Amino acid sequence: MVQITSIHLVGTQHHQHISEMKWVNPGTGATGASSREAMVTFVRTNPNQAYVQGPTEKAFLRVRGTTPPYVQTYADNTWTDNLLSLPRY
């Protein structure tokens, strides 16, 4: 499981313009950065294993089926903007 900690945007301030995400694995302490494409693949093969930590709960990433696909958080049966609230690098 990985927690997304920050994002890198290229272009406008929308989810489809997140080009890279930094993450940490809370279980092992491992850290890294993944491209949008790599995170799409990770989320598709590992459902509910990538998230943004909110004040009280986790918002898990899901893949938006556009061309090209991208990830966005989904909580309480609603697409949310948790990724866009993260620090930028």
C-alpha atoms as a PDB file:
ATOM      1  CA  MET A   1       0.000   0.000   0.000  1.00  0.00           C
ATOM      2  CA  VAL A   2       1.285   3.486  -0.821  1.00  0.00           C
ATOM      3  CA  GLN A   3       0.299   6.923   0.389  1.00  0.00           C
ATOM      4  CA  ILE A   4       0.606   9.679  -2.210  1.00  0.00           C
ATOM      5  CA  THR A   5       2.420  12.621  -0.583  1.00  0.00           C
ATOM      6  CA  SER A   6       2.905  15.184  -3.371  1.00  0.00           C
ATOM      7  CA  ILE A   7       2.252  15.733  -7.063  1.00  0.00           C
ATOM      8  CA  HIS A   8       3.939  17.293 -10.055  1.00  0.00           C
ATOM      9  CA  LEU A   9       1.672  19.107 -12.521  1.00  0.00           C
ATOM     10  CA  VAL A  10       2.468  19.978 -16.123  1.00  0.00           C
ATOM     11  CA  GLY A  11      -0.032  22.333 -17.697  1.00  0.00           C
ATOM     12  CA  THR A  12      -3.214  23.366 -15.939  1.00  0.00           C
ATOM     13  CA  GLN A  13      -4.303  22.511 -12.410  1.00  0.00           C
ATOM     14  CA  HIS A  14      -6.402  19.445 -13.285  1.00  0.00           C
ATOM     15  CA  HIS A  15      -6.017  15.751 -12.517  1.00  0.00           C
ATOM     16  CA  GLN A  16      -5.173  14.831 -16.100  1.00  0.00           C
ATOM     17  CA  HIS A  17      -2.121  17.124 -15.870  1.00  0.00           C
ATOM     18  CA  ILE A  18      -0.531  15.307 -12.931  1.00  0.00           C
ATOM     19  CA  SER A  19       2.612  13.946 -14.541  1.00  0.00           C
ATOM     20  CA  GLU A  20       4.211  12.348 -11.475  1.00  0.00           C
ATOM     21  CA  MET A  21       3.403  11.496  -7.855  1.00  0.00           C
ATOM     22  CA  LYS A  22       5.675  10.974  -4.879  1.00  0.00           C
ATOM     23  CA  TRP A  23       4.652   8.251  -2.453  1.00  0.00           C
ATOM     24  CA  VAL A  24       5.625   6.447   0.730  1.00  0.00           C
ATOM     25  CA  ASN A  25       4.882   2.879   1.764  1.00  0.00           C
ATOM     26  CA  PRO A  26       3.884   3.263   5.450  1.00  0.00           C
ATOM     27  CA  GLY A  27       4.543  -0.431   6.106  1.00  0.00           C
ATOM     28  CA  THR A  28       8.148  -0.468   4.921  1.00  0.00           C
ATOM     29  CA  GLY A  29       9.139   3.190   4.875  1.00  0.00           C
ATOM     30  CA  ALA A  30      10.084   2.906   1.191  1.00  0.00           C
ATOM     31  CA  THR A  31       9.633   6.079  -0.862  1.00  0.00           C
ATOM     32  CA  GLY A  32       9.577   6.802  -4.547  1.00  0.00           C
ATOM     33  CA  ALA A  33       8.018   8.684  -7.415  1.00  0.00           C
ATOM     34  CA  SER A  34       5.853   7.254 -10.172  1.00  0.00           C
ATOM     35  CA  SER A  35       4.727   8.671 -13.478  1.00  0.00           C
ATOM     36  CA  ARG A  36       1.022   9.039 -14.193  1.00  0.00           C
ATOM     37  CA  GLU A  37       1.232   6.020 -16.490  1.00  0.00           C
ATOM     38  CA  ALA A  38       2.969   3.883 -13.859  1.00  0.00           C
ATOM     39  CA  MET A  39       0.419   4.859 -11.205  1.00  0.00           C
ATOM     40  CA  VAL A  40      -2.474   4.021 -13.555  1.00  0.00           C
ATOM     41  CA  THR A  41      -0.962   0.550 -14.029  1.00  0.00           C
ATOM     42  CA  PHE A  42      -0.362   0.152 -10.275  1.00  0.00           C
ATOM     43  CA  VAL A  43      -3.937   1.150  -9.367  1.00  0.00           C
ATOM     44  CA  ARG A  44      -5.422  -1.138 -12.020  1.00  0.00           C
ATOM     45  CA  THR A  45      -3.447  -4.140 -10.775  1.00  0.00           C
ATOM     46  CA  ASN A  46      -3.620  -3.248  -7.055  1.00  0.00           C
ATOM     47  CA  PRO A  47      -7.096  -1.845  -6.278  1.00  0.00           C
ATOM     48  CA  ASN A  48      -7.398   0.103  -3.014  1.00  0.00           C
ATOM     49  CA  GLN A  49      -3.624   0.106  -2.495  1.00  0.00           C
ATOM     50  CA  ALA A  50      -2.863   3.783  -3.300  1.00  0.00           C
ATOM     51  CA  TYR A  51      -4.424   6.595  -1.323  1.00  0.00           C
ATOM     52  CA  VAL A  52      -4.311  10.173  -0.092  1.00  0.00           C
ATOM     53  CA  GLN A  53      -4.641  10.543   3.664  1.00  0.00           C
ATOM     54  CA  GLY A  54      -7.439  12.909   4.621  1.00  0.00           C
ATOM     55  CA  PRO A  55      -8.090  14.418   8.049  1.00  0.00           C
ATOM     56  CA  THR A  56     -10.019  11.364   9.214  1.00  0.00           C
ATOM     57  CA  GLU A  57      -9.940   8.759   6.449  1.00  0.00           C
ATOM     58  CA  LYS A  58      -8.154   7.590   3.320  1.00  0.00           C
ATOM     59  CA  ALA A  59      -9.319   8.507  -0.173  1.00  0.00           C
ATOM     60  CA  PHE A  60      -8.267   5.725  -2.540  1.00  0.00           C
ATOM     61  CA  LEU A  61      -7.130   6.306  -6.107  1.00  0.00           C
ATOM     62  CA  ARG A  62      -9.131   4.989  -9.033  1.00  0.00           C
ATOM     63  CA  VAL A  63      -8.467   5.184 -12.741  1.00  0.00           C
ATOM     64  CA  ARG A  64     -10.502   7.541 -14.915  1.00  0.00           C
ATOM     65  CA  GLY A  65     -11.101   5.781 -18.224  1.00  0.00           C
ATOM     66  CA  THR A  66     -10.219   8.660 -20.524  1.00  0.00           C
ATOM     67  CA  THR A  67      -7.599   8.799 -23.255  1.00  0.00           C
ATOM     68  CA  PRO A  68      -5.039   8.866 -21.835  1.00  0.00           C
ATOM     69  CA  PRO A  69      -6.215   7.461 -18.482  1.00  0.00           C
ATOM     70  CA  TYR A  70      -5.327   9.190 -15.223  1.00  0.00           C
ATOM     71  CA  VAL A  71      -5.921   8.675 -11.499  1.00  0.00           C
ATOM     72  CA  GLN A  72      -8.223  10.565  -9.180  1.00  0.00           C
ATOM     73  CA  THR A  73      -9.401   9.925  -5.633  1.00  0.00           C
ATOM     74  CA  TYR A  74     -12.819   8.438  -5.005  1.00  0.00           C
ATOM     75  CA  ALA A  75     -14.540   8.616  -1.627  1.00  0.00           C
ATOM     76  CA  ASP A  76     -18.139   8.232  -0.486  1.00  0.00           C
ATOM     77  CA  ASN A  77     -19.205   7.278  -4.028  1.00  0.00           C
ATOM     78  CA  THR A  78     -17.897  10.600  -5.377  1.00  0.00           C
ATOM     79  CA  TRP A  79     -14.853  11.645  -7.408  1.00  0.00           C
ATOM     80  CA  THR A  80     -12.835  13.964  -5.153  1.00  0.00           C
ATOM     81  CA  ASP A  81      -9.930  16.427  -5.412  1.00  0.00           C
ATOM     82  CA  ASN A  82      -7.681  15.046  -2.653  1.00  0.00           C
ATOM     83  CA  LEU A  83      -4.731  14.690  -5.027  1.00  0.00           C
ATOM     84  CA  LEU A  84      -4.957  18.353  -6.042  1.00  0.00           C
ATOM     85  CA  SER A  85      -4.768  19.415  -2.388  1.00  0.00           C
ATOM     86  CA  LEU A  86      -1.325  17.811  -1.963  1.00  0.00           C
ATOM     87  CA  PRO A  87       1.931  19.784  -2.043  1.00  0.00           C
ATOM     88  CA  ARG A  88       3.513  20.356  -5.474  1.00  0.00           C
ATOM     89  CA  TYR A  89       7.097  19.738  -6.524  1.00  0.00           C
END
